[in-house]
């Protein structure tokens, strides 16, 4: 004959843990669905970007040209300032 007290105690201790297991399984399922959906959206966006032509390359080239010109002007201004300082020091 089995003892009912240890069996009941064991059962009483496992009930709270089963709630944790249910929560973990649900959290895992939601995390998986979210990840799969995010990857799907990125893949669709990449495919659409490959199919639909845009002017990003031209815009990037124009911006790079503007940045290079601004850098040249700053360098010229710095050199002019250094030359003026050298003349003033003489």
PDB file of N, CA and C in Angstrom:
ATOM      1  N   UNK A   1       0.840  -1.165   0.000  1.00  0.00           N
ATOM      2  CA  UNK A   1       0.000   0.000   0.000  1.00  0.00           C
ATOM      3  C   UNK A   1       0.898   1.245   0.000  1.00  0.00           C
ATOM      4  N   UNK A   2       0.527   2.213  -0.788  1.00  0.00           N
ATOM      5  CA  UNK A   2       1.334   3.428  -0.880  1.00  0.00           C
ATOM      6  C   UNK A   2       0.887   4.433   0.164  1.00  0.00           C
ATOM      7  N   UNK A   3       1.782   5.252   0.510  1.00  0.00           N
ATOM      8  CA  UNK A   3       1.472   6.292   1.482  1.00  0.00           C
ATOM      9  C   UNK A   3       0.868   7.487   0.757  1.00  0.00           C
ATOM     10  N   UNK A   4      -0.259   7.997   1.134  1.00  0.00           N
ATOM     11  CA  UNK A   4      -0.874   9.121   0.445  1.00  0.00           C
ATOM     12  C   UNK A   4      -0.211  10.462   0.764  1.00  0.00           C
ATOM     13  N   UNK A   5       0.432  10.587   1.914  1.00  0.00           N
ATOM     14  CA  UNK A   5       1.000  11.879   2.295  1.00  0.00           C
ATOM     15  C   UNK A   5       2.170  12.271   1.392  1.00  0.00           C
ATOM     16  N   UNK A   6       3.173  11.425   1.173  1.00  0.00           N
ATOM     17  CA  UNK A   6       4.256  11.834   0.272  1.00  0.00           C
ATOM     18  C   UNK A   6       3.770  12.066  -1.155  1.00  0.00           C
ATOM     19  N   UNK A   7       2.817  11.248  -1.583  1.00  0.00           N
ATOM     20  CA  UNK A   7       2.277  11.431  -2.917  1.00  0.00           C
ATOM     21  C   UNK A   7       1.558  12.761  -3.050  1.00  0.00           C
ATOM     22  N   UNK A   8       0.785  13.129  -2.055  1.00  0.00           N
ATOM     23  CA  UNK A   8       0.090  14.419  -2.059  1.00  0.00           C
ATOM     24  C   UNK A   8       1.084  15.573  -1.974  1.00  0.00           C
ATOM     25  N   UNK A   9       2.120  15.396  -1.175  1.00  0.00           N
ATOM     26  CA  UNK A   9       3.133  16.451  -1.063  1.00  0.00           C
ATOM     27  C   UNK A   9       3.845  16.656  -2.395  1.00  0.00           C
ATOM     28  N   UNK A  10       4.166  15.568  -3.058  1.00  0.00           N
ATOM     29  CA  UNK A  10       4.821  15.663  -4.359  1.00  0.00           C
ATOM     30  C   UNK A  10       3.909  16.335  -5.382  1.00  0.00           C
ATOM     31  N   UNK A  11       2.647  15.964  -5.365  1.00  0.00           N
ATOM     32  CA  UNK A  11       1.672  16.565  -6.259  1.00  0.00           C
ATOM     33  C   UNK A  11       1.512  18.067  -5.965  1.00  0.00           C
ATOM     34  N   UNK A  12       1.486  18.423  -4.701  1.00  0.00           N
ATOM     35  CA  UNK A  12       1.342  19.825  -4.308  1.00  0.00           C
ATOM     36  C   UNK A  12       2.553  20.645  -4.749  1.00  0.00           C
ATOM     37  N   UNK A  13       3.725  20.048  -4.768  1.00  0.00           N
ATOM     38  CA  UNK A  13       4.928  20.775  -5.187  1.00  0.00           C
ATOM     39  C   UNK A  13       5.028  20.902  -6.711  1.00  0.00           C
ATOM     40  N   UNK A  14       4.457  19.980  -7.447  1.00  0.00           N
ATOM     41  CA  UNK A  14       4.568  20.040  -8.900  1.00  0.00           C
ATOM     42  C   UNK A  14       3.546  20.963  -9.544  1.00  0.00           C
ATOM     43  N   UNK A  15       2.456  21.247  -8.887  1.00  0.00           N
ATOM     44  CA  UNK A  15       1.428  22.114  -9.477  1.00  0.00           C
ATOM     45  C   UNK A  15       1.934  23.523  -9.777  1.00  0.00           C
ATOM     46  N   UNK A  16       2.629  24.171  -8.860  1.00  0.00           N
ATOM     47  CA  UNK A  16       3.132  25.520  -9.206  1.00  0.00           C
ATOM     48  C   UNK A  16       4.148  25.498 -10.355  1.00  0.00           C
ATOM     49  N   UNK A  17       4.916  24.430 -10.456  1.00  0.00           N
ATOM     50  CA  UNK A  17       5.900  24.350 -11.533  1.00  0.00           C
ATOM     51  C   UNK A  17       5.239  24.175 -12.895  1.00  0.00           C
ATOM     52  N   UNK A  18       4.100  23.543 -12.928  1.00  0.00           N
ATOM     53  CA  UNK A  18       3.427  23.358 -14.209  1.00  0.00           C
ATOM     54  C   UNK A  18       2.990  24.702 -14.791  1.00  0.00           C
ATOM     55  N   UNK A  19       2.652  25.646 -13.953  1.00  0.00           N
ATOM     56  CA  UNK A  19       2.312  26.987 -14.433  1.00  0.00           C
ATOM     57  C   UNK A  19       3.508  27.655 -15.085  1.00  0.00           C
ATOM     58  N   UNK A  20       4.674  27.459 -14.521  1.00  0.00           N
ATOM     59  CA  UNK A  20       5.894  28.020 -15.106  1.00  0.00           C
ATOM     60  C   UNK A  20       6.171  27.388 -16.467  1.00  0.00           C
ATOM     61  N   UNK A  21       5.946  26.111 -16.565  1.00  0.00           N
ATOM     62  CA  UNK A  21       6.194  25.423 -17.831  1.00  0.00           C
ATOM     63  C   UNK A  21       5.249  25.946 -18.908  1.00  0.00           C
ATOM     64  N   UNK A  22       3.991  26.121 -18.568  1.00  0.00           N
ATOM     65  CA  UNK A  22       3.026  26.641 -19.533  1.00  0.00           C
ATOM     66  C   UNK A  22       3.436  28.036 -19.982  1.00  0.00           C
ATOM     67  N   UNK A  23       3.868  28.865 -19.040  1.00  0.00           N
ATOM     68  CA  UNK A  23       4.300  30.218 -19.374  1.00  0.00           C
ATOM     69  C   UNK A  23       5.511  30.179 -20.304  1.00  0.00           C
ATOM     70  N   UNK A  24       6.485  29.328 -19.998  1.00  0.00           N
ATOM     71  CA  UNK A  24       7.687  29.246 -20.825  1.00  0.00           C
ATOM     72  C   UNK A  24       7.376  28.764 -22.232  1.00  0.00           C
ATOM     73  N   UNK A  25       6.492  27.789 -22.357  1.00  0.00           N
ATOM     74  CA  UNK A  25       6.126  27.286 -23.678  1.00  0.00           C
ATOM     75  C   UNK A  25       5.428  28.386 -24.477  1.00  0.00           C
ATOM     76  N   UNK A  26       4.526  29.116 -23.842  1.00  0.00           N
ATOM     77  CA  UNK A  26       3.823  30.201 -24.534  1.00  0.00           C
ATOM     78  C   UNK A  26       4.795  31.306 -24.933  1.00  0.00           C
ATOM     79  N   UNK A  27       5.722  31.643 -24.046  1.00  0.00           N
ATOM     80  CA  UNK A  27       6.711  32.686 -24.352  1.00  0.00           C
ATOM     81  C   UNK A  27       7.604  32.258 -25.517  1.00  0.00           C
ATOM     82  N   UNK A  28       7.978  30.991 -25.540  1.00  0.00           N
ATOM     83  CA  UNK A  28       8.794  30.474 -26.634  1.00  0.00           C
ATOM     84  C   UNK A  28       8.036  30.558 -27.959  1.00  0.00           C
ATOM     85  N   UNK A  29       6.768  30.214 -27.927  1.00  0.00           N
ATOM     86  CA  UNK A  29       5.963  30.250 -29.148  1.00  0.00           C
ATOM     87  C   UNK A  29       5.837  31.679 -29.673  1.00  0.00           C
ATOM     88  N   UNK A  30       5.582  32.620 -28.786  1.00  0.00           N
ATOM     89  CA  UNK A  30       5.454  34.021 -29.202  1.00  0.00           C
ATOM     90  C   UNK A  30       6.785  34.542 -29.734  1.00  0.00           C
ATOM     91  N   UNK A  31       7.872  34.202 -29.076  1.00  0.00           N
ATOM     92  CA  UNK A  31       9.189  34.634 -29.538  1.00  0.00           C
ATOM     93  C   UNK A  31       9.527  34.073 -30.903  1.00  0.00           C
ATOM     94  N   UNK A  32       9.171  32.817 -31.138  1.00  0.00           N
ATOM     95  CA  UNK A  32       9.432  32.198 -32.436  1.00  0.00           C
ATOM     96  C   UNK A  32       8.613  32.858 -33.531  1.00  0.00           C
ATOM     97  N   UNK A  33       7.342  33.097 -33.270  1.00  0.00           N
ATOM     98  CA  UNK A  33       6.477  33.729 -34.268  1.00  0.00           C
ATOM     99  C   UNK A  33       6.975  35.136 -34.583  1.00  0.00           C
ATOM    100  N   UNK A  34       7.374  35.866 -33.565  1.00  0.00           N
ATOM    101  CA  UNK A  34       7.872  37.226 -33.770  1.00  0.00           C
ATOM    102  C   UNK A  34       9.141  37.214 -34.617  1.00  0.00           C
ATOM    103  N   UNK A  35      10.038  36.293 -34.327  1.00  0.00           N
ATOM    104  CA  UNK A  35      11.283  36.210 -35.086  1.00  0.00           C
ATOM    105  C   UNK A  35      11.012  35.827 -36.539  1.00  0.00           C
ATOM    106  N   UNK A  36      10.162  34.845 -36.748  1.00  0.00           N
ATOM    107  CA  UNK A  36       9.850  34.409 -38.110  1.00  0.00           C
ATOM    108  C   UNK A  36       9.182  35.534 -38.887  1.00  0.00           C
ATOM    109  N   UNK A  37       8.274  36.255 -38.237  1.00  0.00           N
ATOM    110  CA  UNK A  37       7.594  37.361 -38.909  1.00  0.00           C
ATOM    111  C   UNK A  37       8.591  38.467 -39.264  1.00  0.00           C
ATOM    112  N   UNK A  38       9.512  38.769 -38.359  1.00  0.00           N
ATOM    113  CA  UNK A  38      10.513  39.802 -38.628  1.00  0.00           C
ATOM    114  C   UNK A  38      11.413  39.433 -39.790  1.00  0.00           C
ATOM    115  N   UNK A  39      11.826  38.182 -39.856  1.00  0.00           N
ATOM    116  CA  UNK A  39      12.679  37.728 -40.953  1.00  0.00           C
ATOM    117  C   UNK A  39      11.897  37.787 -42.263  1.00  0.00           C
ATOM    118  N   UNK A  40      10.627  37.409 -42.211  1.00  0.00           N
ATOM    119  CA  UNK A  40       9.796  37.465 -43.415  1.00  0.00           C
ATOM    120  C   UNK A  40       9.632  38.873 -43.940  1.00  0.00           C
ATOM    121  N   UNK A  41       9.429  39.817 -43.048  1.00  0.00           N
ATOM    122  CA  UNK A  41       9.266  41.213 -43.460  1.00  0.00           C
ATOM    123  C   UNK A  41      10.559  41.740 -44.075  1.00  0.00           C
ATOM    124  N   UNK A  42      11.688  41.404 -43.488  1.00  0.00           N
ATOM    125  CA  UNK A  42      12.967  41.849 -44.046  1.00  0.00           C
ATOM    126  C   UNK A  42      13.209  41.239 -45.422  1.00  0.00           C
ATOM    127  N   UNK A  43      12.841  39.974 -45.589  1.00  0.00           N
ATOM    128  CA  UNK A  43      13.040  39.317 -46.883  1.00  0.00           C
ATOM    129  C   UNK A  43      12.155  39.957 -47.952  1.00  0.00           C
ATOM    130  N   UNK A  44      10.923  40.251 -47.609  1.00  0.00           N
ATOM    131  CA  UNK A  44      10.017  40.888 -48.566  1.00  0.00           C
ATOM    132  C   UNK A  44      10.523  42.283 -48.911  1.00  0.00           C
ATOM    133  N   UNK A  45      10.996  43.012 -47.916  1.00  0.00           N
ATOM    134  CA  UNK A  45      11.540  44.347 -48.168  1.00  0.00           C
ATOM    135  C   UNK A  45      12.759  44.304 -49.073  1.00  0.00           C
ATOM    136  N   UNK A  46      13.620  43.317 -48.860  1.00  0.00           N
ATOM    137  CA  UNK A  46      14.813  43.187 -49.701  1.00  0.00           C
ATOM    138  C   UNK A  46      14.429  42.820 -51.129  1.00  0.00           C
ATOM    139  N   UNK A  47      13.456  41.940 -51.265  1.00  0.00           N
ATOM    140  CA  UNK A  47      13.016  41.548 -52.611  1.00  0.00           C
ATOM    141  C   UNK A  47      12.383  42.738 -53.331  1.00  0.00           C
ATOM    142  N   UNK A  48      11.578  43.505 -52.620  1.00  0.00           N
ATOM    143  CA  UNK A  48      10.957  44.677 -53.227  1.00  0.00           C
ATOM    144  C   UNK A  48      12.027  45.703 -53.614  1.00  0.00           C
ATOM    145  N   UNK A  49      13.033  45.855 -52.774  1.00  0.00           N
ATOM    146  CA  UNK A  49      14.109  46.784 -53.084  1.00  0.00           C
ATOM    147  C   UNK A  49      14.910  46.353 -54.301  1.00  0.00           C
ATOM    148  N   UNK A  50      15.015  45.052 -54.509  1.00  0.00           N
ATOM    149  CA  UNK A  50      15.755  44.554 -55.662  1.00  0.00           C
ATOM    150  C   UNK A  50      14.947  44.701 -56.950  1.00  0.00           C
ATOM    151  N   UNK A  51      13.628  44.617 -56.846  1.00  0.00           N
ATOM    152  CA  UNK A  51      12.774  44.668 -58.021  1.00  0.00           C
ATOM    153  C   UNK A  51      12.456  46.101 -58.432  1.00  0.00           C
ATOM    154  N   UNK A  52      12.201  46.957 -57.459  1.00  0.00           N
ATOM    155  CA  UNK A  52      11.785  48.332 -57.739  1.00  0.00           C
ATOM    156  C   UNK A  52      13.030  49.209 -57.859  1.00  0.00           C
ATOM    157  N   UNK A  53      13.264  49.814 -59.011  1.00  0.00           N
ATOM    158  CA  UNK A  53      14.438  50.671 -59.154  1.00  0.00           C
ATOM    159  C   UNK A  53      14.265  51.972 -58.364  1.00  0.00           C
ATOM    160  N   UNK A  54      15.365  52.475 -57.866  1.00  0.00           N
ATOM    161  CA  UNK A  54      15.311  53.748 -57.153  1.00  0.00           C
ATOM    162  C   UNK A  54      16.570  54.546 -57.461  1.00  0.00           C
ATOM    163  N   UNK A  55      16.620  55.743 -56.942  1.00  0.00           N
ATOM    164  CA  UNK A  55      17.734  56.644 -57.224  1.00  0.00           C
ATOM    165  C   UNK A  55      18.703  56.750 -56.057  1.00  0.00           C
ATOM    166  N   UNK A  56      18.764  55.734 -55.213  1.00  0.00           N
ATOM    167  CA  UNK A  56      19.637  55.803 -54.050  1.00  0.00           C
ATOM    168  C   UNK A  56      21.094  55.972 -54.440  1.00  0.00           C
ATOM    169  N   UNK A  57      21.545  55.256 -55.456  1.00  0.00           N
ATOM    170  CA  UNK A  57      22.944  55.344 -55.874  1.00  0.00           C
ATOM    171  C   UNK A  57      23.291  56.749 -56.346  1.00  0.00           C
ATOM    172  N   UNK A  58      22.406  57.344 -57.124  1.00  0.00           N
ATOM    173  CA  UNK A  58      22.661  58.700 -57.618  1.00  0.00           C
ATOM    174  C   UNK A  58      22.674  59.699 -56.471  1.00  0.00           C
ATOM    175  N   UNK A  59      21.761  59.533 -55.525  1.00  0.00           N
ATOM    176  CA  UNK A  59      21.722  60.421 -54.371  1.00  0.00           C
ATOM    177  C   UNK A  59      22.997  60.292 -53.537  1.00  0.00           C
ATOM    178  N   UNK A  60      23.457  59.053 -53.356  1.00  0.00           N
ATOM    179  CA  UNK A  60      24.673  58.830 -52.582  1.00  0.00           C
ATOM    180  C   UNK A  60      25.888  59.444 -53.276  1.00  0.00           C
ATOM    181  N   UNK A  61      25.955  59.322 -54.594  1.00  0.00           N
ATOM    182  CA  UNK A  61      27.075  59.909 -55.339  1.00  0.00           C
ATOM    183  C   UNK A  61      27.060  61.424 -55.231  1.00  0.00           C
ATOM    184  N   UNK A  62      25.875  62.021 -55.343  1.00  0.00           N
ATOM    185  CA  UNK A  62      25.771  63.479 -55.246  1.00  0.00           C
ATOM    186  C   UNK A  62      26.170  63.945 -53.840  1.00  0.00           C
ATOM    187  N   UNK A  63      25.740  63.225 -52.821  1.00  0.00           N
ATOM    188  CA  UNK A  63      26.092  63.601 -51.441  1.00  0.00           C
ATOM    189  C   UNK A  63      27.588  63.443 -51.208  1.00  0.00           C
ATOM    190  N   UNK A  64      28.188  62.389 -51.745  1.00  0.00           N
ATOM    191  CA  UNK A  64      29.626  62.181 -51.595  1.00  0.00           C
ATOM    192  C   UNK A  64      30.399  63.305 -52.275  1.00  0.00           C
ATOM    193  N   UNK A  65      29.907  63.741 -53.438  1.00  0.00           N
ATOM    194  CA  UNK A  65      30.564  64.837 -54.146  1.00  0.00           C
ATOM    195  C   UNK A  65      30.485  66.125 -53.332  1.00  0.00           C
ATOM    196  N   UNK A  66      29.305  66.395 -52.736  1.00  0.00           N
ATOM    197  CA  UNK A  66      29.144  67.587 -51.896  1.00  0.00           C
ATOM    198  C   UNK A  66      30.055  67.522 -50.673  1.00  0.00           C
ATOM    199  N   UNK A  67      30.139  66.357 -50.059  1.00  0.00           N
ATOM    200  CA  UNK A  67      30.989  66.195 -48.877  1.00  0.00           C
ATOM    201  C   UNK A  67      32.459  66.408 -49.224  1.00  0.00           C
ATOM    202  N   UNK A  68      32.878  65.882 -50.384  1.00  0.00           N
ATOM    203  CA  UNK A  68      34.266  66.032 -50.801  1.00  0.00           C
ATOM    204  C   UNK A  68      34.597  67.496 -51.066  1.00  0.00           C
ATOM    205  N   UNK A  69      33.667  68.205 -51.703  1.00  0.00           N
ATOM    206  CA  UNK A  69      33.871  69.629 -51.984  1.00  0.00           C
ATOM    207  C   UNK A  69      33.951  70.436 -50.690  1.00  0.00           C
ATOM    208  N   UNK A  70      33.088  70.117 -49.745  1.00  0.00           N
ATOM    209  CA  UNK A  70      33.112  70.815 -48.456  1.00  0.00           C
ATOM    210  C   UNK A  70      34.421  70.547 -47.729  1.00  0.00           C
ATOM    211  N   UNK A  71      34.913  69.315 -47.831  1.00  0.00           N
ATOM    212  CA  UNK A  71      36.177  68.974 -47.190  1.00  0.00           C
ATOM    213  C   UNK A  71      37.332  69.747 -47.836  1.00  0.00           C
ATOM    214  N   UNK A  72      37.310  69.878 -49.162  1.00  0.00           N
ATOM    215  CA  UNK A  72      38.356  70.656 -49.854  1.00  0.00           C
ATOM    216  C   UNK A  72      38.342  72.111 -49.408  1.00  0.00           C
ATOM    217  N   UNK A  73      37.136  72.692 -49.287  1.00  0.00           N
ATOM    218  CA  UNK A  73      37.026  74.085 -48.856  1.00  0.00           C
ATOM    219  C   UNK A  73      37.549  74.266 -47.435  1.00  0.00           C
ATOM    220  N   UNK A  74      37.230  73.334 -46.559  1.00  0.00           N
ATOM    221  CA  UNK A  74      37.720  73.423 -45.188  1.00  0.00           C
ATOM    222  C   UNK A  74      39.238  73.319 -45.144  1.00  0.00           C
ATOM    223  N   UNK A  75      39.796  72.412 -45.942  1.00  0.00           N
ATOM    224  CA  UNK A  75      41.245  72.255 -45.985  1.00  0.00           C
ATOM    225  C   UNK A  75      41.908  73.528 -46.532  1.00  0.00           C
ATOM    226  N   UNK A  76      41.321  74.139 -47.548  1.00  0.00           N
ATOM    227  CA  UNK A  76      41.873  75.372 -48.105  1.00  0.00           C
ATOM    228  C   UNK A  76      41.800  76.499 -47.078  1.00  0.00           C
ATOM    229  N   UNK A  77      40.709  76.583 -46.357  1.00  0.00           N
ATOM    230  CA  UNK A  77      40.565  77.617 -45.332  1.00  0.00           C
ATOM    231  C   UNK A  77      41.571  77.404 -44.212  1.00  0.00           C
ATOM    232  N   UNK A  78      41.795  76.139 -43.841  1.00  0.00           N
ATOM    233  CA  UNK A  78      42.768  75.851 -42.780  1.00  0.00           C
ATOM    234  C   UNK A  78      44.175  76.243 -43.230  1.00  0.00           C
ATOM    235  N   UNK A  79      44.516  75.918 -44.469  1.00  0.00           N
ATOM    236  CA  UNK A  79      45.846  76.264 -44.982  1.00  0.00           C
ATOM    237  C   UNK A  79      46.014  77.777 -45.074  1.00  0.00           C
ATOM    238  N   UNK A  80      44.966  78.479 -45.486  1.00  0.00           N
ATOM    239  CA  UNK A  80      45.037  79.934 -45.566  1.00  0.00           C
ATOM    240  C   UNK A  80      45.220  80.530 -44.175  1.00  0.00           C
ATOM    241  N   UNK A  81      44.545  79.966 -43.198  1.00  0.00           N
ATOM    242  CA  UNK A  81      44.688  80.438 -41.807  1.00  0.00           C
ATOM    243  C   UNK A  81      46.101  80.186 -41.280  1.00  0.00           C
ATOM    244  N   UNK A  82      46.664  79.039 -41.603  1.00  0.00           N
ATOM    245  CA  UNK A  82      48.032  78.729 -41.179  1.00  0.00           C
ATOM    246  C   UNK A  82      49.035  79.678 -41.846  1.00  0.00           C
ATOM    247  N   UNK A  83      48.797  79.986 -43.112  1.00  0.00           N
ATOM    248  CA  UNK A  83      49.703  80.892 -43.825  1.00  0.00           C
ATOM    249  C   UNK A  83      49.613  82.289 -43.215  1.00  0.00           C
ATOM    250  N   UNK A  84      48.403  82.732 -42.865  1.00  0.00           N
ATOM    251  CA  UNK A  84      48.232  84.040 -42.256  1.00  0.00           C
ATOM    252  C   UNK A  84      48.911  84.082 -40.890  1.00  0.00           C
ATOM    253  N   UNK A  85      48.802  83.005 -40.137  1.00  0.00           N
ATOM    254  CA  UNK A  85      49.445  82.953 -38.831  1.00  0.00           C
ATOM    255  C   UNK A  85      50.970  82.984 -38.963  1.00  0.00           C
ATOM    256  N   UNK A  86      51.490  82.284 -39.989  1.00  0.00           N
ATOM    257  CA  UNK A  86      52.935  82.282 -40.211  1.00  0.00           C
ATOM    258  C   UNK A  86      53.426  83.671 -40.615  1.00  0.00           C
ATOM    259  N   UNK A  87      52.643  84.372 -41.435  1.00  0.00           N
ATOM    260  CA  UNK A  87      53.021  85.730 -41.846  1.00  0.00           C
ATOM    261  C   UNK A  87      52.971  86.668 -40.648  1.00  0.00           C
ATOM    262  N   UNK A  88      52.008  86.500 -39.788  1.00  0.00           N
ATOM    263  CA  UNK A  88      51.875  87.373 -38.626  1.00  0.00           C
ATOM    264  C   UNK A  88      53.006  87.120 -37.635  1.00  0.00           C
ATOM    265  N   UNK A  89      53.514  85.900 -37.583  1.00  0.00           N
ATOM    266  CA  UNK A  89      54.565  85.572 -36.644  1.00  0.00           C
ATOM    267  C   UNK A  89      55.902  86.120 -37.083  1.00  0.00           C
ATOM    268  N   UNK A  90      56.072  86.447 -38.360  1.00  0.00           N
ATOM    269  CA  UNK A  90      57.363  86.968 -38.863  1.00  0.00           C
ATOM    270  C   UNK A  90      57.592  88.369 -38.522  1.00  0.00           C
TER     271      UNK A  90
END
